[in-house]
């Protein structure tokens, strides 16, 4: 089992920045592939960014150039640094982990059951 705990969400004005952190524990061998997703009004979750064990990153088009995903393998931490935030970025953000790449679902809305491990989420609210 893998446990994921997000932190760092909050409320900012449009144009502001936030950094999210996901602490990974448990069987980290099952969490080599990681990503950030966001959810708004329904149960589907949109892939925002993904990172593979070799550091390869993938971003959804709406966040390219504004969001940066990174990982600290020694500390088992995943980060998402978000800049120039917009009201449409308002959502619950989830850390995700899987045994296969999440790059294929970046920019795609998926049911939660399609990914092995999820955190409980952290709310990001951007006001105009």
N, C-alpha and C. Protein backbone atom coordinates (compact mmCIF):
# COMPACT_ATOMS: atom_id res chain seq x y z
N UNK A 1 0.83 -1.20 0.00
CA UNK A 1 0.00 0.00 0.00
C UNK A 1 0.86 1.25 0.00
N UNK A 2 0.30 2.29 -0.56
CA UNK A 2 0.97 3.59 -0.63
C UNK A 2 0.05 4.62 0.00
N UNK A 3 0.61 5.49 0.80
CA UNK A 3 -0.15 6.59 1.39
C UNK A 3 0.38 7.90 0.83
N UNK A 4 -0.56 8.77 0.44
CA UNK A 4 -0.23 10.06 -0.13
C UNK A 4 -0.94 11.14 0.68
N UNK A 5 -0.20 12.15 1.11
CA UNK A 5 -0.79 13.24 1.89
C UNK A 5 -0.40 14.57 1.27
N UNK A 6 -1.40 15.30 0.79
CA UNK A 6 -1.15 16.59 0.17
C UNK A 6 -1.20 17.71 1.20
N UNK A 7 -0.49 18.77 0.89
CA UNK A 7 -0.55 19.99 1.70
C UNK A 7 -0.21 21.17 0.81
N UNK A 8 -0.53 22.38 1.28
CA UNK A 8 -0.13 23.58 0.57
C UNK A 8 -1.22 24.30 -0.18
N UNK A 9 -2.43 23.75 -0.18
CA UNK A 9 -3.50 24.45 -0.85
C UNK A 9 -3.90 25.72 -0.12
N UNK A 10 -4.78 26.51 -0.73
CA UNK A 10 -5.23 27.74 -0.10
C UNK A 10 -5.94 28.63 -1.08
N UNK A 11 -6.10 29.88 -0.69
CA UNK A 11 -6.79 30.86 -1.52
C UNK A 11 -5.83 31.96 -1.91
N UNK A 12 -5.83 32.30 -3.20
CA UNK A 12 -4.98 33.38 -3.71
C UNK A 12 -5.77 34.18 -4.72
N UNK A 13 -5.26 35.35 -5.02
CA UNK A 13 -5.85 36.17 -6.06
C UNK A 13 -5.27 35.77 -7.41
N UNK A 14 -6.01 36.10 -8.44
CA UNK A 14 -5.55 35.81 -9.79
C UNK A 14 -4.15 36.41 -10.01
N UNK A 15 -3.27 35.61 -10.60
CA UNK A 15 -1.90 36.03 -10.80
C UNK A 15 -0.95 35.58 -9.71
N UNK A 16 -1.50 35.07 -8.62
CA UNK A 16 -0.68 34.63 -7.50
C UNK A 16 -0.08 33.26 -7.71
N UNK A 17 0.64 32.80 -6.69
CA UNK A 17 1.34 31.51 -6.76
C UNK A 17 1.04 30.67 -5.52
N UNK A 18 1.10 29.37 -5.71
CA UNK A 18 0.97 28.41 -4.61
C UNK A 18 1.86 27.22 -4.92
N UNK A 19 2.33 26.58 -3.86
CA UNK A 19 3.09 25.35 -4.04
C UNK A 19 2.41 24.24 -3.25
N UNK A 20 2.17 23.13 -3.91
CA UNK A 20 1.59 21.95 -3.28
C UNK A 20 2.68 20.92 -3.03
N UNK A 21 2.51 20.17 -1.96
CA UNK A 21 3.44 19.11 -1.60
C UNK A 21 2.67 17.84 -1.33
N UNK A 22 3.25 16.73 -1.74
CA UNK A 22 2.65 15.42 -1.48
C UNK A 22 3.71 14.54 -0.82
N UNK A 23 3.43 14.13 0.41
CA UNK A 23 4.33 13.23 1.12
C UNK A 23 3.93 11.79 0.84
N UNK A 24 4.89 10.99 0.43
CA UNK A 24 4.65 9.60 0.04
C UNK A 24 5.21 8.67 1.11
N UNK A 25 4.42 7.69 1.52
CA UNK A 25 4.89 6.70 2.47
C UNK A 25 4.31 5.34 2.10
N UNK A 26 4.82 4.31 2.76
CA UNK A 26 4.36 2.96 2.48
C UNK A 26 5.26 2.29 1.46
N UNK A 27 4.69 1.48 0.63
CA UNK A 27 5.46 0.74 -0.37
C UNK A 27 5.77 1.65 -1.55
N UNK A 28 6.82 2.44 -1.39
CA UNK A 28 7.13 3.45 -2.41
C UNK A 28 7.53 2.81 -3.74
N UNK A 29 7.83 1.53 -3.75
CA UNK A 29 8.12 0.87 -5.02
C UNK A 29 6.91 0.84 -5.94
N UNK A 30 5.73 1.01 -5.37
CA UNK A 30 4.51 1.03 -6.16
C UNK A 30 4.08 2.44 -6.54
N UNK A 31 4.93 3.41 -6.28
CA UNK A 31 4.57 4.80 -6.57
C UNK A 31 5.63 5.46 -7.43
N UNK A 32 6.23 4.70 -8.33
CA UNK A 32 7.29 5.27 -9.15
C UNK A 32 6.78 6.35 -10.08
N UNK A 33 5.58 6.16 -10.58
CA UNK A 33 4.98 7.12 -11.51
C UNK A 33 4.00 7.98 -10.74
N UNK A 34 4.16 9.29 -10.85
CA UNK A 34 3.35 10.17 -10.02
C UNK A 34 2.79 11.33 -10.83
N UNK A 35 1.77 11.96 -10.26
CA UNK A 35 1.17 13.08 -10.95
C UNK A 35 0.24 13.87 -10.06
N UNK A 36 -0.23 14.96 -10.59
CA UNK A 36 -1.22 15.81 -9.93
C UNK A 36 -2.47 15.88 -10.81
N UNK A 37 -3.60 15.76 -10.17
CA UNK A 37 -4.88 15.85 -10.85
C UNK A 37 -5.74 16.89 -10.15
N UNK A 38 -6.78 17.35 -10.81
CA UNK A 38 -7.69 18.28 -10.17
C UNK A 38 -9.13 17.92 -10.51
N UNK A 39 -9.99 18.25 -9.58
CA UNK A 39 -11.40 17.88 -9.68
C UNK A 39 -12.26 19.08 -9.31
N UNK A 40 -13.30 19.30 -10.09
CA UNK A 40 -14.20 20.42 -9.80
C UNK A 40 -15.59 19.92 -9.44
N UNK A 41 -16.50 19.90 -10.40
CA UNK A 41 -17.90 19.69 -10.04
C UNK A 41 -18.35 18.24 -10.04
N UNK A 42 -17.71 17.38 -10.78
CA UNK A 42 -18.15 15.98 -10.79
C UNK A 42 -17.02 15.08 -10.32
N UNK A 43 -17.19 13.80 -10.44
CA UNK A 43 -16.21 12.86 -9.89
C UNK A 43 -14.98 12.69 -10.76
N UNK A 44 -15.04 13.12 -12.02
CA UNK A 44 -13.89 12.95 -12.89
C UNK A 44 -12.73 13.84 -12.46
N UNK A 45 -11.53 13.34 -12.66
CA UNK A 45 -10.33 14.10 -12.27
C UNK A 45 -9.48 14.33 -13.50
N UNK A 46 -9.04 15.55 -13.67
CA UNK A 46 -8.26 15.95 -14.83
C UNK A 46 -6.78 15.86 -14.52
N UNK A 47 -6.04 15.18 -15.37
CA UNK A 47 -4.60 15.12 -15.19
C UNK A 47 -3.96 16.47 -15.48
N UNK A 48 -3.24 17.00 -14.53
CA UNK A 48 -2.60 18.31 -14.65
C UNK A 48 -1.14 18.17 -15.06
N UNK A 49 -0.42 17.30 -14.38
CA UNK A 49 1.00 17.10 -14.66
C UNK A 49 1.41 15.72 -14.16
N UNK A 50 2.40 15.16 -14.82
CA UNK A 50 2.90 13.84 -14.44
C UNK A 50 4.42 13.83 -14.50
N UNK A 51 5.01 12.96 -13.69
CA UNK A 51 6.47 12.82 -13.70
C UNK A 51 6.83 11.35 -13.58
N UNK A 52 7.73 10.90 -14.42
CA UNK A 52 8.18 9.52 -14.43
C UNK A 52 9.41 9.38 -13.53
N UNK A 53 9.81 8.13 -13.23
CA UNK A 53 10.98 7.94 -12.36
C UNK A 53 12.25 8.58 -12.90
N UNK A 54 12.37 8.70 -14.21
CA UNK A 54 13.59 9.30 -14.77
C UNK A 54 13.51 10.82 -14.83
N UNK A 55 12.42 11.39 -14.30
CA UNK A 55 12.27 12.83 -14.27
C UNK A 55 11.54 13.43 -15.45
N UNK A 56 11.15 12.60 -16.40
CA UNK A 56 10.40 13.11 -17.54
C UNK A 56 9.06 13.66 -17.08
N UNK A 57 8.75 14.87 -17.53
CA UNK A 57 7.51 15.52 -17.10
C UNK A 57 6.57 15.75 -18.28
N UNK A 58 5.28 15.78 -17.97
CA UNK A 58 4.23 16.03 -18.95
C UNK A 58 3.23 16.98 -18.32
N UNK A 59 2.78 17.96 -19.09
CA UNK A 59 1.85 18.96 -18.58
C UNK A 59 0.62 19.06 -19.47
N UNK A 60 -0.51 19.33 -18.86
CA UNK A 60 -1.70 19.65 -19.61
C UNK A 60 -1.52 21.01 -20.25
N UNK A 61 -2.10 21.20 -21.42
CA UNK A 61 -1.90 22.44 -22.16
C UNK A 61 -2.27 23.68 -21.36
N UNK A 62 -3.38 23.67 -20.60
CA UNK A 62 -3.76 24.91 -19.89
C UNK A 62 -2.76 25.37 -18.82
N UNK A 63 -1.88 24.47 -18.37
CA UNK A 63 -0.97 24.83 -17.29
C UNK A 63 0.48 24.92 -17.74
N UNK A 64 0.75 24.58 -19.00
CA UNK A 64 2.13 24.63 -19.49
C UNK A 64 2.70 26.04 -19.34
N UNK A 65 3.90 26.08 -18.82
CA UNK A 65 4.55 27.38 -18.62
C UNK A 65 4.18 28.04 -17.31
N UNK A 66 3.17 27.53 -16.61
CA UNK A 66 2.76 28.13 -15.34
C UNK A 66 2.98 27.18 -14.16
N UNK A 67 2.85 25.89 -14.39
CA UNK A 67 2.99 24.88 -13.33
C UNK A 67 4.28 24.09 -13.55
N UNK A 68 4.90 23.70 -12.44
CA UNK A 68 6.11 22.87 -12.50
C UNK A 68 5.97 21.71 -11.51
N UNK A 69 6.07 20.50 -12.03
CA UNK A 69 6.06 19.32 -11.18
C UNK A 69 7.49 18.86 -10.94
N UNK A 70 7.76 18.44 -9.71
CA UNK A 70 9.10 17.96 -9.39
C UNK A 70 9.00 16.93 -8.27
N UNK A 71 10.06 16.16 -8.10
CA UNK A 71 10.06 15.14 -7.06
C UNK A 71 11.40 15.08 -6.37
N UNK A 72 11.35 14.77 -5.09
CA UNK A 72 12.56 14.54 -4.30
C UNK A 72 12.51 13.08 -3.88
N UNK A 73 13.20 12.23 -4.62
CA UNK A 73 13.12 10.80 -4.36
C UNK A 73 13.72 10.42 -3.01
N UNK A 74 14.72 11.16 -2.57
CA UNK A 74 15.35 10.84 -1.28
C UNK A 74 14.40 11.08 -0.12
N UNK A 75 13.55 12.09 -0.28
CA UNK A 75 12.60 12.43 0.78
C UNK A 75 11.20 11.92 0.51
N UNK A 76 11.00 11.26 -0.64
CA UNK A 76 9.67 10.75 -1.03
C UNK A 76 8.63 11.86 -1.01
N UNK A 77 8.93 12.94 -1.70
CA UNK A 77 8.04 14.08 -1.77
C UNK A 77 7.84 14.48 -3.22
N UNK A 78 6.60 14.81 -3.54
CA UNK A 78 6.24 15.32 -4.85
C UNK A 78 5.78 16.77 -4.69
N UNK A 79 6.18 17.62 -5.61
CA UNK A 79 5.82 19.03 -5.55
C UNK A 79 5.04 19.44 -6.80
N UNK A 80 4.22 20.47 -6.64
CA UNK A 80 3.62 21.16 -7.78
C UNK A 80 3.69 22.65 -7.47
N UNK A 81 4.53 23.36 -8.22
CA UNK A 81 4.65 24.80 -8.04
C UNK A 81 3.79 25.47 -9.10
N UNK A 82 2.85 26.29 -8.65
CA UNK A 82 1.88 26.90 -9.55
C UNK A 82 2.05 28.42 -9.53
N UNK A 83 2.22 29.00 -10.69
CA UNK A 83 2.36 30.45 -10.80
C UNK A 83 1.30 31.01 -11.74
N UNK A 84 1.14 32.33 -11.70
CA UNK A 84 0.18 33.01 -12.56
C UNK A 84 -1.17 32.29 -12.54
N UNK A 85 -1.64 32.01 -11.34
CA UNK A 85 -2.88 31.26 -11.19
C UNK A 85 -4.07 32.04 -11.71
N UNK A 86 -5.03 31.30 -12.24
CA UNK A 86 -6.23 31.87 -12.83
C UNK A 86 -7.46 31.33 -12.11
N UNK A 87 -8.59 32.04 -12.16
CA UNK A 87 -9.80 31.51 -11.51
C UNK A 87 -10.17 30.12 -12.00
N UNK A 88 -9.90 29.81 -13.26
CA UNK A 88 -10.24 28.48 -13.77
C UNK A 88 -9.34 27.38 -13.22
N UNK A 89 -8.29 27.74 -12.48
CA UNK A 89 -7.47 26.74 -11.81
C UNK A 89 -8.08 26.31 -10.48
N UNK A 90 -9.14 26.96 -10.06
CA UNK A 90 -9.81 26.60 -8.81
C UNK A 90 -10.32 25.17 -8.87
N UNK A 91 -9.91 24.36 -7.91
CA UNK A 91 -10.28 22.94 -7.90
C UNK A 91 -9.72 22.29 -6.64
N UNK A 92 -10.14 21.06 -6.41
CA UNK A 92 -9.48 20.21 -5.43
C UNK A 92 -8.35 19.50 -6.16
N UNK A 93 -7.13 19.63 -5.64
CA UNK A 93 -5.96 19.03 -6.28
C UNK A 93 -5.57 17.76 -5.55
N UNK A 94 -5.34 16.71 -6.33
CA UNK A 94 -5.01 15.40 -5.78
C UNK A 94 -3.63 14.94 -6.26
N UNK A 95 -2.87 14.39 -5.35
CA UNK A 95 -1.64 13.69 -5.67
C UNK A 95 -2.00 12.26 -6.06
N UNK A 96 -1.33 11.72 -7.06
CA UNK A 96 -1.63 10.37 -7.53
C UNK A 96 -0.34 9.60 -7.77
N UNK A 97 -0.43 8.30 -7.61
CA UNK A 97 0.71 7.43 -7.85
C UNK A 97 0.24 6.15 -8.50
N UNK A 98 1.09 5.59 -9.31
CA UNK A 98 0.72 4.36 -10.01
C UNK A 98 1.98 3.58 -10.36
N UNK A 99 1.77 2.36 -10.84
CA UNK A 99 2.88 1.51 -11.26
C UNK A 99 3.18 1.65 -12.74
N UNK A 100 2.46 2.50 -13.41
CA UNK A 100 2.69 2.79 -14.82
C UNK A 100 2.56 4.29 -15.03
N UNK A 101 3.08 4.76 -16.14
CA UNK A 101 3.12 6.20 -16.37
C UNK A 101 1.74 6.83 -16.36
N UNK A 102 1.65 8.03 -15.78
CA UNK A 102 0.42 8.80 -15.76
C UNK A 102 0.43 9.84 -16.88
N UNK A 103 1.48 9.87 -17.65
CA UNK A 103 1.59 10.87 -18.72
C UNK A 103 0.45 10.72 -19.72
N UNK A 104 -0.02 9.50 -19.93
CA UNK A 104 -1.06 9.27 -20.94
C UNK A 104 -2.40 9.86 -20.54
N UNK A 105 -2.59 10.19 -19.27
CA UNK A 105 -3.86 10.77 -18.84
C UNK A 105 -3.73 12.23 -18.45
N UNK A 106 -2.61 12.85 -18.73
CA UNK A 106 -2.47 14.29 -18.53
C UNK A 106 -3.34 15.00 -19.56
N UNK A 107 -4.16 15.95 -19.08
CA UNK A 107 -5.06 16.64 -19.98
C UNK A 107 -6.34 15.88 -20.23
N UNK A 108 -6.49 14.75 -19.56
CA UNK A 108 -7.66 13.89 -19.74
C UNK A 108 -8.43 13.81 -18.43
N UNK A 109 -9.75 13.76 -18.51
CA UNK A 109 -10.58 13.60 -17.31
C UNK A 109 -10.88 12.12 -17.16
N UNK A 110 -10.56 11.58 -16.01
CA UNK A 110 -10.70 10.15 -15.79
C UNK A 110 -11.48 9.87 -14.51
N UNK A 111 -12.11 8.73 -14.43
CA UNK A 111 -12.70 8.33 -13.14
C UNK A 111 -11.59 7.96 -12.17
N UNK A 112 -11.78 8.20 -10.88
CA UNK A 112 -10.72 7.92 -9.91
C UNK A 112 -10.24 6.48 -9.93
N UNK A 113 -11.10 5.55 -10.32
CA UNK A 113 -10.72 4.15 -10.32
C UNK A 113 -9.63 3.78 -11.31
N UNK A 114 -9.28 4.69 -12.20
CA UNK A 114 -8.26 4.41 -13.21
C UNK A 114 -6.84 4.54 -12.69
N UNK A 115 -6.68 5.07 -11.48
CA UNK A 115 -5.35 5.26 -10.89
C UNK A 115 -5.31 4.51 -9.57
N UNK A 116 -4.14 3.89 -9.29
CA UNK A 116 -4.06 3.02 -8.11
C UNK A 116 -4.17 3.78 -6.80
N UNK A 117 -3.42 4.87 -6.65
CA UNK A 117 -3.33 5.52 -5.35
C UNK A 117 -3.63 7.02 -5.45
N UNK A 118 -4.38 7.49 -4.46
CA UNK A 118 -4.75 8.91 -4.38
C UNK A 118 -4.54 9.43 -2.97
N UNK A 119 -4.22 10.71 -2.89
CA UNK A 119 -4.30 11.39 -1.61
C UNK A 119 -5.73 11.86 -1.40
N UNK A 120 -5.97 12.54 -0.30
CA UNK A 120 -7.30 13.03 0.01
C UNK A 120 -7.61 14.37 -0.63
N UNK A 121 -6.58 15.03 -1.15
CA UNK A 121 -6.79 16.27 -1.86
C UNK A 121 -6.56 17.50 -1.02
N UNK A 122 -6.28 18.60 -1.72
CA UNK A 122 -6.12 19.90 -1.07
C UNK A 122 -6.77 20.95 -1.98
N UNK A 123 -7.54 21.84 -1.39
CA UNK A 123 -8.31 22.80 -2.16
C UNK A 123 -7.46 24.00 -2.56
N UNK A 124 -7.58 24.37 -3.82
CA UNK A 124 -6.96 25.59 -4.35
C UNK A 124 -8.08 26.48 -4.88
N UNK A 125 -8.14 27.70 -4.39
CA UNK A 125 -9.16 28.66 -4.81
C UNK A 125 -8.49 29.93 -5.29
N UNK A 126 -8.82 30.32 -6.52
CA UNK A 126 -8.23 31.51 -7.12
C UNK A 126 -9.35 32.50 -7.39
N UNK A 127 -9.26 33.67 -6.80
CA UNK A 127 -10.28 34.68 -6.98
C UNK A 127 -9.84 35.69 -8.03
N UNK A 128 -10.82 36.24 -8.72
CA UNK A 128 -10.51 37.20 -9.79
C UNK A 128 -10.39 38.61 -9.26
